[in-house]
Amino acid sequence: MNHFVLAYAGGIVGAVMMDITETLALRAGLTSGVSVGLVGRWALGLLRGQWSHADISLSPARRAEVLAGWVFHLLVGGGGVALLYAAWVQAAGWTEPGARLWGGLAFGALTSLLPWLLLLPAFGWGWFGRRGPRGSNALLASMVSHLPYGLGVGAAMALGEVL
């Protein structure tokens, strides 16, 4: 099967694993402060040419922002970002399933840079979310949630090599 198709599907699976991990982390008191509604508000703002907010939580809610957040999270953040991993695997020439799986975990850790340096500053929360909502720890929460994402992508790529 095509590496990019596998990675895209794995990215969606990884995004679901990320959501499950975030739910469990929230129950343990760890949160980044990011919600799917805020992601949707940001994504809908991008469509109107608004890249950043002073504080997205104070920006007006948008119609269908939760739906937009899920679509953006799964299709763009999950599947789309995973295409970078397929390119990485192909460039590295990794054919062993173990390399693809462990590489996926490393990729997941690297994807923590996306919220730290892109999403959270665009939300108005600064680099690494240092000005995020009270009680949030975006630095740790993002890393914790992105590791299962990478595991999902890596597992799909590893299974693709076996099958």
C-alpha atoms as a PDB file:
ATOM      1  CA  MET A   1       0.000   0.000   0.000  1.00  0.00           C
ATOM      2  CA  ASN A   2       1.136   3.562  -0.652  1.00  0.00           C
ATOM      3  CA  HIS A   3       3.233   5.007   2.203  1.00  0.00           C
ATOM      4  CA  PHE A   4       1.362   8.300   2.109  1.00  0.00           C
ATOM      5  CA  VAL A   5      -2.061   6.639   2.332  1.00  0.00           C
ATOM      6  CA  LEU A   6      -0.855   4.568   5.294  1.00  0.00           C
ATOM      7  CA  ALA A   7       0.573   7.618   7.011  1.00  0.00           C
ATOM      8  CA  TYR A   8      -2.607   9.645   6.453  1.00  0.00           C
ATOM      9  CA  ALA A   9      -4.787   6.871   7.891  1.00  0.00           C
ATOM     10  CA  GLY A  10      -2.308   6.401  10.744  1.00  0.00           C
ATOM     11  CA  GLY A  11      -2.442  10.128  11.420  1.00  0.00           C
ATOM     12  CA  ILE A  12      -6.194   9.993  11.861  1.00  0.00           C
ATOM     13  CA  VAL A  13      -5.843   6.974  14.174  1.00  0.00           C
ATOM     14  CA  GLY A  14      -3.070   8.814  16.018  1.00  0.00           C
ATOM     15  CA  ALA A  15      -5.267  11.911  16.390  1.00  0.00           C
ATOM     16  CA  VAL A  16      -7.964   9.761  18.006  1.00  0.00           C
ATOM     17  CA  MET A  17      -5.330   8.237  20.318  1.00  0.00           C
ATOM     18  CA  MET A  18      -4.219  11.787  21.120  1.00  0.00           C
ATOM     19  CA  ASP A  19      -7.782  12.731  22.076  1.00  0.00           C
ATOM     20  CA  ILE A  20      -8.128   9.707  24.345  1.00  0.00           C
ATOM     21  CA  THR A  21      -4.817  10.573  26.015  1.00  0.00           C
ATOM     22  CA  GLU A  22      -5.873  14.207  26.485  1.00  0.00           C
ATOM     23  CA  THR A  23      -9.109  13.072  28.123  1.00  0.00           C
ATOM     24  CA  LEU A  24      -7.211  10.832  30.533  1.00  0.00           C
ATOM     25  CA  ALA A  25      -4.636  13.561  31.211  1.00  0.00           C
ATOM     26  CA  LEU A  26      -7.406  16.058  31.945  1.00  0.00           C
ATOM     27  CA  ARG A  27      -8.868  13.657  34.516  1.00  0.00           C
ATOM     28  CA  ALA A  28      -5.411  13.586  36.119  1.00  0.00           C
ATOM     29  CA  GLY A  29      -5.294  17.400  36.145  1.00  0.00           C
ATOM     30  CA  LEU A  30      -3.054  17.972  33.111  1.00  0.00           C
ATOM     31  CA  THR A  31      -4.349  20.233  30.341  1.00  0.00           C
ATOM     32  CA  SER A  32      -2.955  22.456  27.623  1.00  0.00           C
ATOM     33  CA  GLY A  33      -6.044  24.682  27.774  1.00  0.00           C
ATOM     34  CA  VAL A  34      -6.797  23.929  24.117  1.00  0.00           C
ATOM     35  CA  SER A  35     -10.273  22.672  23.225  1.00  0.00           C
ATOM     36  CA  VAL A  36     -11.646  21.455  19.916  1.00  0.00           C
ATOM     37  CA  GLY A  37     -13.928  24.500  19.864  1.00  0.00           C
ATOM     38  CA  LEU A  38     -10.967  26.866  20.123  1.00  0.00           C
ATOM     39  CA  VAL A  39      -9.182  24.974  17.340  1.00  0.00           C
ATOM     40  CA  GLY A  40     -12.296  25.408  15.213  1.00  0.00           C
ATOM     41  CA  ARG A  41     -12.512  29.108  16.059  1.00  0.00           C
ATOM     42  CA  TRP A  42      -8.893  29.497  14.956  1.00  0.00           C
ATOM     43  CA  ALA A  43      -9.396  27.438  11.768  1.00  0.00           C
ATOM     44  CA  LEU A  44     -12.485  29.437  10.822  1.00  0.00           C
ATOM     45  CA  GLY A  45     -10.507  32.615  11.487  1.00  0.00           C
ATOM     46  CA  LEU A  46      -7.810  31.401   9.091  1.00  0.00           C
ATOM     47  CA  LEU A  47     -10.449  31.139   6.368  1.00  0.00           C
ATOM     48  CA  ARG A  48     -11.262  34.828   6.968  1.00  0.00           C
ATOM     49  CA  GLY A  49      -7.578  35.812   6.943  1.00  0.00           C
ATOM     50  CA  GLN A  50      -7.166  36.106  10.711  1.00  0.00           C
ATOM     51  CA  TRP A  51      -3.943  34.357  11.670  1.00  0.00           C
ATOM     52  CA  SER A  52      -3.761  35.237  15.360  1.00  0.00           C
ATOM     53  CA  HIS A  53      -5.808  36.456  18.301  1.00  0.00           C
ATOM     54  CA  ALA A  54      -4.943  38.583  21.309  1.00  0.00           C
ATOM     55  CA  ASP A  55      -6.582  35.803  23.373  1.00  0.00           C
ATOM     56  CA  ILE A  56      -8.691  33.345  21.435  1.00  0.00           C
ATOM     57  CA  SER A  57     -10.802  32.526  24.471  1.00  0.00           C
ATOM     58  CA  LEU A  58     -12.043  36.141  24.399  1.00  0.00           C
ATOM     59  CA  SER A  59     -12.743  36.131  20.631  1.00  0.00           C
ATOM     60  CA  PRO A  60     -16.390  35.717  19.667  1.00  0.00           C
ATOM     61  CA  ALA A  61     -17.582  32.151  19.223  1.00  0.00           C
ATOM     62  CA  ARG A  62     -18.217  31.124  15.611  1.00  0.00           C
ATOM     63  CA  ARG A  63     -21.083  29.102  14.258  1.00  0.00           C
ATOM     64  CA  ALA A  64     -20.064  25.428  13.857  1.00  0.00           C
ATOM     65  CA  GLU A  65     -16.650  26.004  15.459  1.00  0.00           C
ATOM     66  CA  VAL A  66     -16.700  22.633  17.234  1.00  0.00           C
ATOM     67  CA  LEU A  67     -17.395  20.807  13.958  1.00  0.00           C
ATOM     68  CA  ALA A  68     -14.696  22.869  12.232  1.00  0.00           C
ATOM     69  CA  GLY A  69     -12.311  22.017  15.069  1.00  0.00           C
ATOM     70  CA  TRP A  70     -12.877  18.278  14.670  1.00  0.00           C
ATOM     71  CA  VAL A  71     -12.471  18.450  10.897  1.00  0.00           C
ATOM     72  CA  PHE A  72      -9.271  20.481  11.191  1.00  0.00           C
ATOM     73  CA  HIS A  73      -7.873  18.283  13.976  1.00  0.00           C
ATOM     74  CA  LEU A  74      -8.498  14.962  12.242  1.00  0.00           C
ATOM     75  CA  LEU A  75      -7.954  15.775   8.567  1.00  0.00           C
ATOM     76  CA  VAL A  76      -5.284  18.484   8.695  1.00  0.00           C
ATOM     77  CA  GLY A  77      -3.596  18.060  12.064  1.00  0.00           C
ATOM     78  CA  GLY A  78      -3.926  14.294  12.134  1.00  0.00           C
ATOM     79  CA  GLY A  79      -3.756  13.003   8.601  1.00  0.00           C
ATOM     80  CA  GLY A  80      -2.093  15.943   6.866  1.00  0.00           C
ATOM     81  CA  VAL A  81       0.811  16.307   9.273  1.00  0.00           C
ATOM     82  CA  ALA A  82       1.414  12.541   9.096  1.00  0.00           C
ATOM     83  CA  LEU A  83       2.321  12.941   5.423  1.00  0.00           C
ATOM     84  CA  LEU A  84       5.559  14.512   6.651  1.00  0.00           C
ATOM     85  CA  TYR A  85       6.345  11.253   8.441  1.00  0.00           C
ATOM     86  CA  ALA A  86       5.775   9.258   5.242  1.00  0.00           C
ATOM     87  CA  ALA A  87       8.229  11.543   3.466  1.00  0.00           C
ATOM     88  CA  TRP A  88      10.716  11.127   6.343  1.00  0.00           C
ATOM     89  CA  VAL A  89      10.414   7.308   6.206  1.00  0.00           C
ATOM     90  CA  GLN A  90      10.855   7.312   2.455  1.00  0.00           C
ATOM     91  CA  ALA A  91      13.865   9.647   2.559  1.00  0.00           C
ATOM     92  CA  ALA A  92      15.482   7.608   5.342  1.00  0.00           C
ATOM     93  CA  GLY A  93      14.817   4.353   3.518  1.00  0.00           C
ATOM     94  CA  TRP A  94      13.344   2.716   6.599  1.00  0.00           C
ATOM     95  CA  THR A  95      11.873  -0.646   5.709  1.00  0.00           C
ATOM     96  CA  GLU A  96      12.047  -2.406   9.075  1.00  0.00           C
ATOM     97  CA  PRO A  97       8.745  -2.231  10.981  1.00  0.00           C
ATOM     98  CA  GLY A  98      10.590  -1.514  14.249  1.00  0.00           C
ATOM     99  CA  ALA A  99      12.332   1.518  12.779  1.00  0.00           C
ATOM    100  CA  ARG A 100       9.015   2.844  11.510  1.00  0.00           C
ATOM    101  CA  LEU A 101       7.331   2.331  14.881  1.00  0.00           C
ATOM    102  CA  TRP A 102      10.101   3.931  16.975  1.00  0.00           C
ATOM    103  CA  GLY A 103      10.508   6.623  14.352  1.00  0.00           C
ATOM    104  CA  GLY A 104       6.807   7.339  14.742  1.00  0.00           C
ATOM    105  CA  LEU A 105       7.267   7.987  18.450  1.00  0.00           C
ATOM    106  CA  ALA A 106      10.120  10.375  17.664  1.00  0.00           C
ATOM    107  CA  PHE A 107       7.938  12.038  15.035  1.00  0.00           C
ATOM    108  CA  GLY A 108       5.147  12.412  17.591  1.00  0.00           C
ATOM    109  CA  ALA A 109       7.540  14.144  19.975  1.00  0.00           C
ATOM    110  CA  LEU A 110       8.654  16.481  17.177  1.00  0.00           C
ATOM    111  CA  THR A 111       5.055  17.379  16.354  1.00  0.00           C
ATOM    112  CA  SER A 112       4.822  18.956  19.808  1.00  0.00           C
ATOM    113  CA  LEU A 113       6.621  21.864  18.177  1.00  0.00           C
ATOM    114  CA  LEU A 114       3.451  22.660  16.192  1.00  0.00           C
ATOM    115  CA  PRO A 115       1.332  23.737  19.156  1.00  0.00           C
ATOM    116  CA  TRP A 116       4.292  25.195  21.039  1.00  0.00           C
ATOM    117  CA  LEU A 117       5.498  27.415  18.197  1.00  0.00           C
ATOM    118  CA  LEU A 118       2.438  27.830  15.962  1.00  0.00           C
ATOM    119  CA  LEU A 119      -0.964  27.149  17.508  1.00  0.00           C
ATOM    120  CA  LEU A 120      -0.482  28.530  21.014  1.00  0.00           C
ATOM    121  CA  PRO A 121       1.167  31.792  19.871  1.00  0.00           C
ATOM    122  CA  ALA A 122      -1.656  32.197  17.315  1.00  0.00           C
ATOM    123  CA  PHE A 123      -4.133  31.737  20.167  1.00  0.00           C
ATOM    124  CA  GLY A 124      -2.429  34.688  21.878  1.00  0.00           C
ATOM    125  CA  TRP A 125      -0.950  32.469  24.567  1.00  0.00           C
ATOM    126  CA  GLY A 126       2.707  32.964  23.651  1.00  0.00           C
ATOM    127  CA  TRP A 127       5.491  30.515  22.858  1.00  0.00           C
ATOM    128  CA  PHE A 128       4.939  27.162  24.548  1.00  0.00           C
ATOM    129  CA  GLY A 129       1.585  28.464  25.872  1.00  0.00           C
ATOM    130  CA  ARG A 130       3.231  30.312  28.747  1.00  0.00           C
ATOM    131  CA  ARG A 131       0.320  32.807  28.868  1.00  0.00           C
ATOM    132  CA  GLY A 132      -2.354  30.145  28.493  1.00  0.00           C
ATOM    133  CA  PRO A 133      -5.339  29.665  30.755  1.00  0.00           C
ATOM    134  CA  ARG A 134      -4.708  29.475  34.476  1.00  0.00           C
ATOM    135  CA  GLY A 135      -3.869  25.934  35.566  1.00  0.00           C
ATOM    136  CA  SER A 136      -2.797  24.792  32.101  1.00  0.00           C
ATOM    137  CA  ASN A 137       0.583  23.291  31.301  1.00  0.00           C
ATOM    138  CA  ALA A 138       0.793  23.329  27.519  1.00  0.00           C
ATOM    139  CA  LEU A 139       4.465  22.390  27.467  1.00  0.00           C
ATOM    140  CA  LEU A 140       3.933  19.056  29.203  1.00  0.00           C
ATOM    141  CA  ALA A 141       0.377  18.369  28.004  1.00  0.00           C
ATOM    142  CA  SER A 142       1.336  18.770  24.343  1.00  0.00           C
ATOM    143  CA  MET A 143       4.222  16.344  24.628  1.00  0.00           C
ATOM    144  CA  VAL A 144       2.102  13.792  26.503  1.00  0.00           C
ATOM    145  CA  SER A 145      -0.651  13.936  23.873  1.00  0.00           C
ATOM    146  CA  HIS A 146       1.604  13.951  20.805  1.00  0.00           C
ATOM    147  CA  LEU A 147       3.447  10.738  21.705  1.00  0.00           C
ATOM    148  CA  PRO A 148       0.339   8.564  21.130  1.00  0.00           C
ATOM    149  CA  TYR A 149      -0.215  10.461  17.883  1.00  0.00           C
ATOM    150  CA  GLY A 150       3.243   9.438  16.711  1.00  0.00           C
ATOM    151  CA  LEU A 151       2.608   5.897  17.886  1.00  0.00           C
ATOM    152  CA  GLY A 152      -0.516   5.737  15.711  1.00  0.00           C
ATOM    153  CA  VAL A 153       1.349   7.002  12.660  1.00  0.00           C
ATOM    154  CA  GLY A 154       4.338   4.738  13.288  1.00  0.00           C
ATOM    155  CA  ALA A 155       2.151   1.674  13.878  1.00  0.00           C
ATOM    156  CA  ALA A 156       0.299   2.233  10.613  1.00  0.00           C
ATOM    157  CA  MET A 157       3.567   2.584   8.734  1.00  0.00           C
ATOM    158  CA  ALA A 158       5.017  -0.512  10.444  1.00  0.00           C
ATOM    159  CA  LEU A 159       1.921  -2.581   9.691  1.00  0.00           C
ATOM    160  CA  GLY A 160       2.030  -1.430   6.103  1.00  0.00           C
ATOM    161  CA  GLU A 161       5.531  -2.841   5.785  1.00  0.00           C
ATOM    162  CA  VAL A 162       4.499  -6.174   7.322  1.00  0.00           C
ATOM    163  CA  LEU A 163       1.362  -6.525   5.208  1.00  0.00           C
END
